[in-house]
C-alpha atoms as a PDB file:
ATOM      1  CA  MET A   1     -96.676  18.816  95.440  1.00  0.00           C
ATOM      2  CA  LEU A   2    -100.428  19.582  95.742  1.00  0.00           C
ATOM      3  CA  GLN A   3    -100.690  16.504  97.968  1.00  0.00           C
ATOM      4  CA  ILE A   4    -100.403  16.929 101.743  1.00  0.00           C
ATOM      5  CA  GLY A   5     -96.966  15.889 102.973  1.00  0.00           C
ATOM      6  CA  LYS A   6     -95.487  15.554  99.492  1.00  0.00           C
ATOM      7  CA  MET A   7     -92.935  18.306 100.098  1.00  0.00           C
ATOM      8  CA  GLN A   8     -91.485  16.459 103.155  1.00  0.00           C
ATOM      9  CA  GLU A   9     -91.494  13.211 101.149  1.00  0.00           C
ATOM     10  CA  VAL A  10     -89.411  14.834  98.374  1.00  0.00           C
ATOM     11  CA  ALA A  11     -87.057  16.186 101.059  1.00  0.00           C
ATOM     12  CA  ASN A  12     -86.611  12.781 102.502  1.00  0.00           C
ATOM     13  CA  GLU A  13     -85.612  11.356  99.120  1.00  0.00           C
ATOM     14  CA  MET A  14     -83.221  14.208  98.635  1.00  0.00           C
ATOM     15  CA  ALA A  15     -81.601  13.334 101.904  1.00  0.00           C
ATOM     16  CA  LYS A  16     -81.578   9.635 101.136  1.00  0.00           C
ATOM     17  CA  TYR A  17     -79.666  10.205  97.866  1.00  0.00           C
ATOM     18  CA  LYS A  18     -77.402  12.816  99.493  1.00  0.00           C
ATOM     19  CA  ILE A  19     -78.405  15.524  97.061  1.00  0.00           C
ATOM     20  CA  ASP A  20     -77.377  19.071  97.755  1.00  0.00           C
ATOM     21  CA  LEU A  21     -79.710  20.836  95.306  1.00  0.00           C
ATOM     22  CA  MET A  22     -82.804  19.417  93.612  1.00  0.00           C
ATOM     23  CA  ALA A  23     -84.408  21.136  90.535  1.00  0.00           C
ATOM     24  CA  LEU A  24     -88.113  20.563  90.552  1.00  0.00           C
ATOM     25  CA  GLN A  25     -90.696  20.737  87.830  1.00  0.00           C
ATOM     26  CA  GLU A  26     -94.520  20.436  87.975  1.00  0.00           C
ATOM     27  CA  ILE A  27     -94.728  21.752  91.453  1.00  0.00           C
ATOM     28  CA  ARG A  28     -98.230  22.904  90.638  1.00  0.00           C
ATOM     29  CA  TRP A  29     -98.356  25.643  93.181  1.00  0.00           C
ATOM     30  CA  ALA A  30     -99.608  29.187  92.637  1.00  0.00           C
ATOM     31  CA  ASN A  31     -97.609  32.398  92.984  1.00  0.00           C
ATOM     32  CA  GLU A  32     -93.951  32.363  94.099  1.00  0.00           C
ATOM     33  CA  GLY A  33     -92.049  32.248  97.372  1.00  0.00           C
ATOM     34  CA  LYS A  34     -89.718  30.518  99.784  1.00  0.00           C
ATOM     35  CA  ILE A  35     -90.386  27.955 102.484  1.00  0.00           C
ATOM     36  CA  GLU A  36     -87.678  27.386 105.110  1.00  0.00           C
ATOM     37  CA  LYS A  37     -87.413  24.242 107.150  1.00  0.00           C
ATOM     38  CA  PRO A  38     -84.609  23.109 109.556  1.00  0.00           C
ATOM     39  CA  GLN A  39     -83.067  20.713 107.080  1.00  0.00           C
ATOM     40  CA  TYR A  40     -83.963  22.318 103.739  1.00  0.00           C
ATOM     41  CA  THR A  41     -85.245  25.347 101.907  1.00  0.00           C
ATOM     42  CA  LEU A  42     -87.730  25.372  99.057  1.00  0.00           C
ATOM     43  CA  PHE A  43     -87.798  28.206  96.425  1.00  0.00           C
ATOM     44  CA  TYR A  44     -90.737  27.986  94.049  1.00  0.00           C
ATOM     45  CA  SER A  45     -92.221  29.782  91.038  1.00  0.00           C
ATOM     46  CA  GLY A  46     -95.887  29.005  90.132  1.00  0.00           C
ATOM     47  CA  SER A  47     -98.742  30.275  88.148  1.00  0.00           C
ATOM     48  CA  ALA A  48     -99.405  34.013  88.305  1.00  0.00           C
ATOM     49  CA  PRO A  49    -102.459  35.387  90.150  1.00  0.00           C
ATOM     50  CA  GLY A  50    -105.519  35.037  88.134  1.00  0.00           C
ATOM     51  CA  ARG A  51    -104.187  32.057  86.036  1.00  0.00           C
ATOM     52  CA  ARG A  52    -105.250  28.507  86.404  1.00  0.00           C
ATOM     53  CA  THR A  53    -103.542  26.719  89.313  1.00  0.00           C
ATOM     54  CA  GLY A  54    -102.599  23.125  89.596  1.00  0.00           C
ATOM     55  CA  LEU A  55    -100.402  23.267  86.509  1.00  0.00           C
ATOM     56  CA  TYR A  56     -96.747  23.541  85.764  1.00  0.00           C
ATOM     57  CA  GLY A  57     -94.551  25.313  88.447  1.00  0.00           C
ATOM     58  CA  THR A  58     -90.855  24.982  88.983  1.00  0.00           C
ATOM     59  CA  GLY A  59     -88.450  25.504  91.862  1.00  0.00           C
ATOM     60  CA  PHE A  60     -85.407  24.387  93.850  1.00  0.00           C
ATOM     61  CA  MET A  61     -85.032  22.447  97.041  1.00  0.00           C
ATOM     62  CA  ILE A  62     -81.567  22.887  98.759  1.00  0.00           C
ATOM     63  CA  ASN A  63     -80.198  21.363 101.886  1.00  0.00           C
ATOM     64  CA  LYS A  64     -79.020  23.353 104.858  1.00  0.00           C
ATOM     65  CA  LYS A  65     -75.296  22.690 103.918  1.00  0.00           C
ATOM     66  CA  ILE A  66     -75.391  24.985 100.911  1.00  0.00           C
ATOM     67  CA  LYS A  67     -78.099  27.360 102.014  1.00  0.00           C
ATOM     68  CA  SER A  68     -75.651  30.100 102.794  1.00  0.00           C
ATOM     69  CA  THR A  69     -74.247  30.015  99.299  1.00  0.00           C
ATOM     70  CA  VAL A  70     -77.455  31.147  97.655  1.00  0.00           C
ATOM     71  CA  MET A  71     -76.916  34.507  96.154  1.00  0.00           C
ATOM     72  CA  ALA A  72     -80.214  34.986  94.375  1.00  0.00           C
ATOM     73  CA  PHE A  73     -83.350  33.246  93.258  1.00  0.00           C
ATOM     74  CA  GLU A  74     -85.440  34.555  90.325  1.00  0.00           C
ATOM     75  CA  PRO A  75     -88.937  33.165  89.697  1.00  0.00           C
ATOM     76  CA  VAL A  76     -89.249  33.877  85.921  1.00  0.00           C
ATOM     77  CA  ASN A  77     -92.632  32.313  85.305  1.00  0.00           C
ATOM     78  CA  ASP A  78     -94.525  28.973  85.925  1.00  0.00           C
ATOM     79  CA  ARG A  79     -92.176  27.126  83.552  1.00  0.00           C
ATOM     80  CA  ILE A  80     -88.794  28.648  84.420  1.00  0.00           C
ATOM     81  CA  SER A  81     -86.865  29.618  87.468  1.00  0.00           C
ATOM     82  CA  MET A  82     -83.313  30.387  88.237  1.00  0.00           C
ATOM     83  CA  ILE A  83     -80.949  30.237  91.276  1.00  0.00           C
ATOM     84  CA  ARG A  84     -77.341  31.513  91.622  1.00  0.00           C
ATOM     85  CA  LEU A  85     -74.789  29.970  94.038  1.00  0.00           C
ATOM     86  CA  LYS A  86     -71.509  31.285  95.299  1.00  0.00           C
ATOM     87  CA  GLY A  87     -68.715  29.132  93.858  1.00  0.00           C
ATOM     88  CA  LYS A  88     -65.048  28.921  95.010  1.00  0.00           C
ATOM     89  CA  PHE A  89     -63.618  29.794  91.664  1.00  0.00           C
ATOM     90  CA  CYS A  90     -66.654  30.921  89.661  1.00  0.00           C
ATOM     91  CA  ASN A  91     -70.312  31.255  90.538  1.00  0.00           C
ATOM     92  CA  ILE A  92     -72.943  28.682  89.476  1.00  0.00           C
ATOM     93  CA  THR A  93     -76.221  29.589  87.851  1.00  0.00           C
ATOM     94  CA  ILE A  94     -78.775  26.788  87.588  1.00  0.00           C
ATOM     95  CA  VAL A  95     -81.988  27.079  85.584  1.00  0.00           C
ATOM     96  CA  THR A  96     -84.868  24.635  85.979  1.00  0.00           C
ATOM     97  CA  ALA A  97     -87.345  24.434  83.144  1.00  0.00           C
ATOM     98  CA  TYR A  98     -90.603  22.562  82.236  1.00  0.00           C
ATOM     99  CA  ALA A  99     -91.045  22.630  78.470  1.00  0.00           C
ATOM    100  CA  PRO A 100     -94.398  22.132  76.642  1.00  0.00           C
ATOM    101  CA  ILE A 101     -95.181  18.571  75.692  1.00  0.00           C
ATOM    102  CA  GLU A 102     -94.454  17.151  72.180  1.00  0.00           C
ATOM    103  CA  ASP A 103     -98.055  17.646  71.036  1.00  0.00           C
ATOM    104  CA  ALA A 104     -98.256  21.332  72.185  1.00  0.00           C
ATOM    105  CA  ASP A 105     -98.697  24.202  69.720  1.00  0.00           C
ATOM    106  CA  ALA A 106     -95.590  25.463  67.983  1.00  0.00           C
ATOM    107  CA  GLU A 107     -96.342  28.897  69.224  1.00  0.00           C
ATOM    108  CA  ASP A 108     -96.202  27.767  72.896  1.00  0.00           C
ATOM    109  CA  LYS A 109     -92.875  26.142  72.253  1.00  0.00           C
ATOM    110  CA  ASP A 110     -91.470  29.229  70.612  1.00  0.00           C
ATOM    111  CA  ILE A 111     -92.615  31.349  73.583  1.00  0.00           C
ATOM    112  CA  PHE A 112     -90.938  28.872  76.024  1.00  0.00           C
ATOM    113  CA  TYR A 113     -87.590  28.799  74.285  1.00  0.00           C
ATOM    114  CA  GLU A 114     -87.655  32.555  73.791  1.00  0.00           C
ATOM    115  CA  SER A 115     -88.171  33.042  77.583  1.00  0.00           C
ATOM    116  CA  LEU A 116     -85.393  30.494  78.249  1.00  0.00           C
ATOM    117  CA  SER A 117     -83.021  32.286  75.902  1.00  0.00           C
ATOM    118  CA  ASN A 118     -83.706  35.651  77.514  1.00  0.00           C
ATOM    119  CA  VAL A 119     -82.899  34.211  80.939  1.00  0.00           C
ATOM    120  CA  CYS A 120     -79.615  32.673  79.678  1.00  0.00           C
ATOM    121  CA  GLU A 121     -78.608  35.935  78.118  1.00  0.00           C
ATOM    122  CA  LYS A 122     -78.727  37.670  81.521  1.00  0.00           C
ATOM    123  CA  VAL A 123     -76.415  35.110  83.202  1.00  0.00           C
ATOM    124  CA  ASP A 124     -72.967  36.486  83.991  1.00  0.00           C
ATOM    125  CA  ARG A 125     -70.551  35.404  81.287  1.00  0.00           C
ATOM    126  CA  TYR A 126     -68.137  33.948  83.852  1.00  0.00           C
ATOM    127  CA  ASP A 127     -70.713  31.852  85.632  1.00  0.00           C
ATOM    128  CA  THR A 128     -71.062  28.123  85.116  1.00  0.00           C
ATOM    129  CA  LEU A 129     -74.553  27.848  83.560  1.00  0.00           C
ATOM    130  CA  ILE A 130     -76.458  24.577  84.043  1.00  0.00           C
ATOM    131  CA  LEU A 131     -79.921  23.963  82.614  1.00  0.00           C
ATOM    132  CA  MET A 132     -81.886  21.019  83.932  1.00  0.00           C
ATOM    133  CA  GLY A 133     -85.473  19.920  83.837  1.00  0.00           C
ATOM    134  CA  ASP A 134     -88.328  18.224  81.896  1.00  0.00           C
ATOM    135  CA  PHE A 135     -87.803  19.310  78.355  1.00  0.00           C
ATOM    136  CA  ASN A 136     -90.191  16.595  77.043  1.00  0.00           C
ATOM    137  CA  ALA A 137     -87.577  15.976  74.418  1.00  0.00           C
ATOM    138  CA  LYS A 138     -86.269  12.733  72.891  1.00  0.00           C
ATOM    139  CA  VAL A 139     -82.738  13.408  71.703  1.00  0.00           C
ATOM    140  CA  GLY A 140     -81.548  11.053  69.020  1.00  0.00           C
ATOM    141  CA  ARG A 141     -78.223   9.634  68.047  1.00  0.00           C
ATOM    142  CA  GLU A 142     -78.163  11.193  64.564  1.00  0.00           C
ATOM    143  CA  GLN A 143     -74.828  12.388  63.281  1.00  0.00           C
ATOM    144  CA  HIS A 144     -75.689  15.991  63.097  1.00  0.00           C
ATOM    145  CA  VAL A 145     -76.419  16.191  66.903  1.00  0.00           C
ATOM    146  CA  VAL A 146     -73.489  14.016  68.212  1.00  0.00           C
ATOM    147  CA  ASN A 147     -71.224  17.038  68.717  1.00  0.00           C
ATOM    148  CA  ILE A 148     -73.938  18.603  70.885  1.00  0.00           C
ATOM    149  CA  ALA A 149     -75.552  15.585  72.673  1.00  0.00           C
ATOM    150  CA  GLY A 150     -73.067  12.888  72.434  1.00  0.00           C
ATOM    151  CA  LYS A 151     -73.852   9.360  71.150  1.00  0.00           C
ATOM    152  CA  TYR A 152     -75.432   7.557  74.167  1.00  0.00           C
ATOM    153  CA  SER A 153     -79.040   8.671  74.034  1.00  0.00           C
ATOM    154  CA  LEU A 154     -81.842   6.122  74.803  1.00  0.00           C
ATOM    155  CA  HIS A 155     -83.435   7.124  71.469  1.00  0.00           C
ATOM    156  CA  GLU A 156     -82.198   6.866  67.911  1.00  0.00           C
ATOM    157  CA  VAL A 157     -84.119   9.737  66.443  1.00  0.00           C
ATOM    158  CA  CYS A 158     -85.022  13.177  67.746  1.00  0.00           C
ATOM    159  CA  ASN A 159     -88.658  14.112  68.024  1.00  0.00           C
ATOM    160  CA  ASN A 160     -89.686  17.755  67.431  1.00  0.00           C
ATOM    161  CA  ASN A 161     -88.858  18.775  70.993  1.00  0.00           C
ATOM    162  CA  GLY A 162     -85.470  16.970  70.613  1.00  0.00           C
ATOM    163  CA  GLN A 163     -84.640  18.925  67.532  1.00  0.00           C
ATOM    164  CA  ARG A 164     -85.550  22.162  69.359  1.00  0.00           C
ATOM    165  CA  ILE A 165     -83.353  21.557  72.425  1.00  0.00           C
ATOM    166  CA  CYS A 166     -80.353  20.548  70.182  1.00  0.00           C
ATOM    167  CA  GLN A 167     -80.821  23.704  68.117  1.00  0.00           C
ATOM    168  CA  PHE A 168     -81.142  25.806  71.280  1.00  0.00           C
ATOM    169  CA  ALA A 169     -78.067  24.285  72.839  1.00  0.00           C
ATOM    170  CA  ASP A 170     -76.059  24.932  69.628  1.00  0.00           C
ATOM    171  CA  GLU A 171     -77.177  28.547  69.423  1.00  0.00           C
ATOM    172  CA  ILE A 172     -76.004  29.438  72.889  1.00  0.00           C
ATOM    173  CA  SER A 173     -72.941  27.229  72.979  1.00  0.00           C
ATOM    174  CA  MET A 174     -74.099  24.489  75.415  1.00  0.00           C
ATOM    175  CA  LYS A 175     -73.654  20.740  75.583  1.00  0.00           C
ATOM    176  CA  ILE A 176     -76.308  18.207  76.449  1.00  0.00           C
ATOM    177  CA  LYS A 177     -74.740  16.033  79.100  1.00  0.00           C
ATOM    178  CA  SER A 178     -77.640  13.719  79.958  1.00  0.00           C
ATOM    179  CA  THR A 179     -77.037  11.763  76.737  1.00  0.00           C
ATOM    180  CA  ALA A 180     -73.213  11.982  76.874  1.00  0.00           C
ATOM    181  CA  PHE A 181     -72.491   9.051  79.328  1.00  0.00           C
ATOM    182  CA  GLU A 182     -72.364   5.354  78.260  1.00  0.00           C
ATOM    183  CA  ARG A 183     -74.476   3.271  80.695  1.00  0.00           C
ATOM    184  CA  LYS A 184     -77.222   0.666  80.675  1.00  0.00           C
ATOM    185  CA  ASN A 185     -80.605   1.739  79.340  1.00  0.00           C
ATOM    186  CA  ILE A 186     -82.352   1.341  82.713  1.00  0.00           C
ATOM    187  CA  TYR A 187     -80.236   4.244  83.936  1.00  0.00           C
ATOM    188  CA  LYS A 188     -81.090   6.476  80.947  1.00  0.00           C
ATOM    189  CA  GLY A 189     -84.875   6.481  81.050  1.00  0.00           C
ATOM    190  CA  THR A 190     -86.475   9.327  82.970  1.00  0.00           C
ATOM    191  CA  TRP A 191     -90.174   8.900  82.347  1.00  0.00           C
ATOM    192  CA  LYS A 192     -92.410   5.876  82.317  1.00  0.00           C
ATOM    193  CA  VAL A 193     -95.509   6.055  80.037  1.00  0.00           C
ATOM    194  CA  PRO A 194     -98.414   5.528  82.414  1.00  0.00           C
ATOM    195  CA  GLY A 195    -100.107   2.165  81.969  1.00  0.00           C
ATOM    196  CA  SER A 196     -97.205   0.662  79.982  1.00  0.00           C
ATOM    197  CA  GLY A 197     -93.707  -0.574  80.289  1.00  0.00           C
ATOM    198  CA  ILE A 198     -92.332   2.080  77.872  1.00  0.00           C
ATOM    199  CA  VAL A 199     -89.622   4.355  79.309  1.00  0.00           C
ATOM    200  CA  ASN A 200     -88.438   7.550  77.507  1.00  0.00           C
ATOM    201  CA  GLN A 201     -85.530   9.897  78.163  1.00  0.00           C
ATOM    202  CA  ILE A 202     -87.103  13.368  78.218  1.00  0.00           C
ATOM    203  CA  GLU A 203     -85.387  15.053  81.151  1.00  0.00           C
ATOM    204  CA  HIS A 204     -82.078  16.603  80.243  1.00  0.00           C
ATOM    205  CA  VAL A 205     -79.091  18.485  81.613  1.00  0.00           C
ATOM    206  CA  LEU A 206     -77.258  21.134  79.660  1.00  0.00           C
ATOM    207  CA  VAL A 207     -74.097  23.035  80.584  1.00  0.00           C
ATOM    208  CA  THR A 208     -72.013  25.757  78.913  1.00  0.00           C
ATOM    209  CA  THR A 209     -69.427  24.355  76.541  1.00  0.00           C
ATOM    210  CA  ARG A 210     -66.433  25.869  78.328  1.00  0.00           C
ATOM    211  CA  ARG A 211     -67.549  24.188  81.614  1.00  0.00           C
ATOM    212  CA  ALA A 212     -68.768  20.983  80.093  1.00  0.00           C
ATOM    213  CA  SER A 213     -66.097  18.937  81.994  1.00  0.00           C
ATOM    214  CA  SER A 214     -67.626  20.026  85.331  1.00  0.00           C
ATOM    215  CA  ILE A 215     -70.464  17.554  84.934  1.00  0.00           C
ATOM    216  CA  ILE A 216     -68.931  14.185  85.418  1.00  0.00           C
ATOM    217  CA  ASP A 217     -72.073  11.941  85.592  1.00  0.00           C
ATOM    218  CA  VAL A 218     -75.812  11.861  84.863  1.00  0.00           C
ATOM    219  CA  ARG A 219     -77.989   8.915  85.596  1.00  0.00           C
ATOM    220  CA  SER A 220     -81.612   7.985  86.545  1.00  0.00           C
ATOM    221  CA  CYS A 221     -82.356   6.643  90.034  1.00  0.00           C
ATOM    222  CA  ARG A 222     -85.317   4.323  89.734  1.00  0.00           C
ATOM    223  CA  GLY A 223     -85.477   3.579  93.437  1.00  0.00           C
ATOM    224  CA  ALA A 224     -86.494   7.126  94.429  1.00  0.00           C
ATOM    225  CA  ASN A 225     -90.268   7.245  94.897  1.00  0.00           C
ATOM    226  CA  CYS A 226     -92.588  10.200  95.344  1.00  0.00           C
ATOM    227  CA  ASP A 227     -95.618   8.801  93.480  1.00  0.00           C
ATOM    228  CA  SER A 228     -94.446  10.219  90.281  1.00  0.00           C
ATOM    229  CA  ASP A 229     -94.086   8.630  86.787  1.00  0.00           C
ATOM    230  CA  HIS A 230     -90.838  10.435  86.440  1.00  0.00           C
ATOM    231  CA  TYR A 231     -87.517   9.083  87.794  1.00  0.00           C
ATOM    232  CA  LEU A 232     -85.056  11.037  89.778  1.00  0.00           C
ATOM    233  CA  VAL A 233     -82.125  12.211  87.605  1.00  0.00           C
ATOM    234  CA  ARG A 234     -78.977  12.618  89.572  1.00  0.00           C
ATOM    235  CA  VAL A 235     -76.231  14.913  88.296  1.00  0.00           C
ATOM    236  CA  THR A 236     -72.746  14.902  89.712  1.00  0.00           C
ATOM    237  CA  VAL A 237     -70.986  18.229  89.350  1.00  0.00           C
ATOM    238  CA  ARG A 238     -67.204  18.756  89.901  1.00  0.00           C
ATOM    239  CA  GLN A 239     -67.353  22.256  91.200  1.00  0.00           C
ATOM    240  CA  ARG A 240     -66.429  23.703  94.578  1.00  0.00           C
ATOM    241  CA  ILE A 241     -69.100  25.654  96.496  1.00  0.00           C
ATOM    242  CA  SER A 242     -67.730  28.421  98.520  1.00  0.00           C
ATOM    243  CA  ASN A 243     -67.467  28.037 102.280  1.00  0.00           C
ATOM    244  CA  ILE A 244     -69.261  31.145 103.353  1.00  0.00           C
ATOM    245  CA  THR A 245     -68.715  31.801 107.032  1.00  0.00           C
ATOM    246  CA  LYS A 246     -71.610  33.406 108.688  1.00  0.00           C
ATOM    247  CA  GLN A 247     -70.876  36.673 110.521  1.00  0.00           C
ATOM    248  CA  ARG A 248     -71.747  36.089 114.153  1.00  0.00           C
ATOM    249  CA  GLY A 249     -73.546  39.141 115.389  1.00  0.00           C
ATOM    250  CA  LYS A 250     -74.905  39.817 118.855  1.00  0.00           C
ATOM    251  CA  LYS A 251     -77.726  37.403 119.600  1.00  0.00           C
ATOM    252  CA  LYS A 252     -80.929  39.177 120.392  1.00  0.00           C
ATOM    253  CA  ILE A 253     -82.608  38.177 123.646  1.00  0.00           C
ATOM    254  CA  LYS A 254     -86.265  37.408 123.649  1.00  0.00           C
ATOM    255  CA  TRP A 255     -87.740  38.474 126.979  1.00  0.00           C
ATOM    256  CA  ASN A 256     -90.724  36.885 128.669  1.00  0.00           C
ATOM    257  CA  THR A 257     -92.773  40.070 128.487  1.00  0.00           C
ATOM    258  CA  GLU A 258     -95.964  38.266 129.345  1.00  0.00           C
ATOM    259  CA  LYS A 259     -94.895  38.366 132.998  1.00  0.00           C
ATOM    260  CA  LEU A 260     -95.142  42.164 132.853  1.00  0.00           C
ATOM    261  CA  LEU A 261     -98.924  41.727 132.651  1.00  0.00           C
ATOM    262  CA  GLN A 262     -98.858  40.827 136.270  1.00  0.00           C
ATOM    263  CA  PRO A 263     -99.085  44.068 138.437  1.00  0.00           C
ATOM    264  CA  THR A 264     -96.551  42.979 141.125  1.00  0.00           C
ATOM    265  CA  VAL A 265     -93.989  42.001 138.457  1.00  0.00           C
ATOM    266  CA  LYS A 266     -94.465  45.156 136.587  1.00  0.00           C
ATOM    267  CA  GLU A 267     -94.015  47.229 139.803  1.00  0.00           C
ATOM    268  CA  ASN A 268     -90.821  45.325 140.803  1.00  0.00           C
ATOM    269  CA  TYR A 269     -89.404  45.764 137.260  1.00  0.00           C
ATOM    270  CA  GLN A 270     -89.956  49.509 137.430  1.00  0.00           C
ATOM    271  CA  GLU A 271     -88.287  49.732 140.857  1.00  0.00           C
ATOM    272  CA  LYS A 272     -85.259  47.752 139.633  1.00  0.00           C
ATOM    273  CA  ILE A 273     -84.839  50.094 136.726  1.00  0.00           C
ATOM    274  CA  GLN A 274     -84.871  53.103 139.071  1.00  0.00           C
ATOM    275  CA  HIS A 275     -82.449  51.378 141.378  1.00  0.00           C
ATOM    276  CA  HIS A 276     -79.904  50.718 138.666  1.00  0.00           C
ATOM    277  CA  LEU A 277     -80.280  54.152 137.155  1.00  0.00           C
ATOM    278  CA  PHE A 278     -79.542  55.721 140.562  1.00  0.00           C
ATOM    279  CA  HIS A 279     -76.461  53.579 141.211  1.00  0.00           C
ATOM    280  CA  ASN A 280     -75.104  53.984 137.677  1.00  0.00           C
ATOM    281  CA  VAL A 281     -75.058  57.845 137.827  1.00  0.00           C
ATOM    282  CA  ASN A 282     -71.436  58.875 138.478  1.00  0.00           C
ATOM    283  CA  SER A 283     -71.447  62.655 138.179  1.00  0.00           C
ATOM    284  CA  GLN A 284     -73.523  65.490 136.852  1.00  0.00           C
ATOM    285  CA  ASN A 285     -71.065  66.000 133.984  1.00  0.00           C
ATOM    286  CA  GLU A 286     -71.990  62.704 132.167  1.00  0.00           C
ATOM    287  CA  THR A 287     -72.145  62.862 128.433  1.00  0.00           C
ATOM    288  CA  ILE A 288     -75.126  61.822 126.316  1.00  0.00           C
ATOM    289  CA  GLU A 289     -73.289  58.583 125.260  1.00  0.00           C
ATOM    290  CA  ASN A 290     -72.655  57.622 128.956  1.00  0.00           C
ATOM    291  CA  MET A 291     -76.277  58.358 129.928  1.00  0.00           C
ATOM    292  CA  THR A 292     -77.599  56.252 127.018  1.00  0.00           C
ATOM    293  CA  GLU A 293     -75.280  53.368 127.919  1.00  0.00           C
ATOM    294  CA  ASN A 294     -76.397  53.609 131.610  1.00  0.00           C
ATOM    295  CA  ILE A 295     -80.108  53.546 130.634  1.00  0.00           C
ATOM    296  CA  GLU A 296     -79.533  50.472 128.460  1.00  0.00           C
ATOM    297  CA  LYS A 297     -77.647  48.678 131.234  1.00  0.00           C
ATOM    298  CA  ALA A 298     -80.389  49.508 133.737  1.00  0.00           C
ATOM    299  CA  ILE A 299     -83.158  48.122 131.551  1.00  0.00           C
ATOM    300  CA  ILE A 300     -81.275  44.901 130.655  1.00  0.00           C
ATOM    301  CA  SER A 301     -80.228  44.292 134.273  1.00  0.00           C
ATOM    302  CA  ALA A 302     -83.765  44.864 135.480  1.00  0.00           C
ATOM    303  CA  ALA A 303     -85.134  42.493 132.722  1.00  0.00           C
ATOM    304  CA  THR A 304     -82.644  39.847 133.634  1.00  0.00           C
ATOM    305  CA  GLU A 305     -83.482  39.908 137.304  1.00  0.00           C
ATOM    306  CA  ILE A 306     -87.264  40.350 137.068  1.00  0.00           C
ATOM    307  CA  VAL A 307     -88.523  39.356 133.672  1.00  0.00           C
ATOM    308  CA  GLY A 308     -86.236  36.616 132.428  1.00  0.00           C
ATOM    309  CA  LYS A 309     -85.841  35.056 129.025  1.00  0.00           C
ATOM    310  CA  ALA A 310     -88.863  33.688 127.133  1.00  0.00           C
ATOM    311  CA  PRO A 311     -88.911  29.844 126.881  1.00  0.00           C
ATOM    312  CA  THR A 312     -87.841  28.625 123.479  1.00  0.00           C
ATOM    313  CA  GLN A 313     -90.433  26.865 121.412  1.00  0.00           C
ATOM    314  CA  ARG A 314     -89.788  24.874 118.262  1.00  0.00           C
ATOM    315  CA  ASN A 315     -92.312  24.474 115.642  1.00  0.00           C
ATOM    316  CA  SER A 316     -93.738  21.002 115.931  1.00  0.00           C
ATOM    317  CA  GLU A 317     -93.505  19.047 112.577  1.00  0.00           C
ATOM    318  CA  TRP A 318     -96.610  16.928 111.821  1.00  0.00           C
ATOM    319  CA  PHE A 319     -94.581  14.618 109.514  1.00  0.00           C
ATOM    320  CA  ASP A 320     -93.822  11.987 112.292  1.00  0.00           C
ATOM    321  CA  ASN A 321     -92.634   8.415 112.455  1.00  0.00           C
ATOM    322  CA  GLU A 322     -96.124   7.093 111.548  1.00  0.00           C
ATOM    323  CA  CYS A 323     -95.856   9.012 108.226  1.00  0.00           C
ATOM    324  CA  LYS A 324     -92.361   7.610 107.628  1.00  0.00           C
ATOM    325  CA  ASP A 325     -93.627   4.115 108.201  1.00  0.00           C
ATOM    326  CA  ALA A 326     -96.436   4.549 105.815  1.00  0.00           C
ATOM    327  CA  ILE A 327     -93.988   5.742 103.075  1.00  0.00           C
ATOM    328  CA  GLU A 328     -91.796   2.671 103.782  1.00  0.00           C
ATOM    329  CA  ILE A 329     -94.811   0.384 103.335  1.00  0.00           C
ATOM    330  CA  LYS A 330     -95.729   2.115 100.080  1.00  0.00           C
ATOM    331  CA  ASN A 331     -92.062   1.830  98.749  1.00  0.00           C
ATOM    332  CA  GLU A 332     -92.052  -1.896  99.541  1.00  0.00           C
ATOM    333  CA  ALA A 333     -95.290  -2.427  97.750  1.00  0.00           C
ATOM    334  CA  ARG A 334     -93.885  -0.537  94.697  1.00  0.00           C
ATOM    335  CA  LYS A 335     -90.715  -2.795  94.651  1.00  0.00           C
ATOM    336  CA  LYS A 336     -92.972  -5.929  94.711  1.00  0.00           C
ATOM    337  CA  MET A 337     -95.144  -4.603  91.899  1.00  0.00           C
ATOM    338  CA  SER A 338     -92.018  -3.778  89.796  1.00  0.00           C
ATOM    339  CA  LYS A 339     -90.738  -7.304  90.235  1.00  0.00           C
ATOM    340  CA  GLN A 340     -94.009  -8.812  89.255  1.00  0.00           C
ATOM    341  CA  ARG A 341     -94.119  -6.747  86.022  1.00  0.00           C
ATOM    342  CA  ARG A 342     -90.577  -7.911  85.039  1.00  0.00           C
ATOM    343  CA  MET A 343     -91.657 -11.570  85.462  1.00  0.00           C
END
């Protein structure tokens, strides 16, 4: 997401595929925070101050439909972040992770899985815990991992990262659901090796064993395009999100206070306040509460008559139709290139 406009492009793909929540890896931003837009909200966890930027980074993009269900977001580090949603029957905790690559040092892998284990231990025992992300792991179809990962993986044998994720899932009583559904291989691959036609399945989805049936489908979507060599992995979860009704409070009025810079308007405003205060006084035996209420009414009445409400202004979005057309042209070119490679 270091490229200009990439965040909006990702949001467009999320809307196109009707995704409520998207777990992101390799955001490559620094620090941590939240960005709110009319149609979506982005939570992110990047590199700490002083560390090298442009690497790693995780986060979540959620659409406006489930925004009110977000209970908490925890940016753990530049490889792990966690979000908790209010569920109808039980809450949902989702962890997004970006594991070290296969050739990384064993120490770095140990540190990553230790951090991930600590995060999982803090999750409420009654929550549905879902882990998803780029684990850089090839999970095999060996007999000793079938009970954990199923028998429909794209790969026959686990690599080192694959063995680690299987061992981790077994230790904390989780199932790997990304390799548990029988489908064509083109819907299993998640990462295309740059400069080749080789596709590996290295992104995975894990869920607590007692809630394993809540994930009813996992598949790769090759059509989604954000200039990444990774494919979008779509997860279908059978779990009801709580319908949280917003408490409608009294809407605050934003007054056009700039008009008070004009001497005549300011003078008229002061006279109106005095006029309303004089007519609202009923007797000398008024209580403090009545006097406070009368002053408030006088100020609001004067402001309504003289100052008026400030004009509403919406933030202008630079991502316009011209940008959308350019993305469409890019996607068409990508489709043509894919067809030529198949031939």
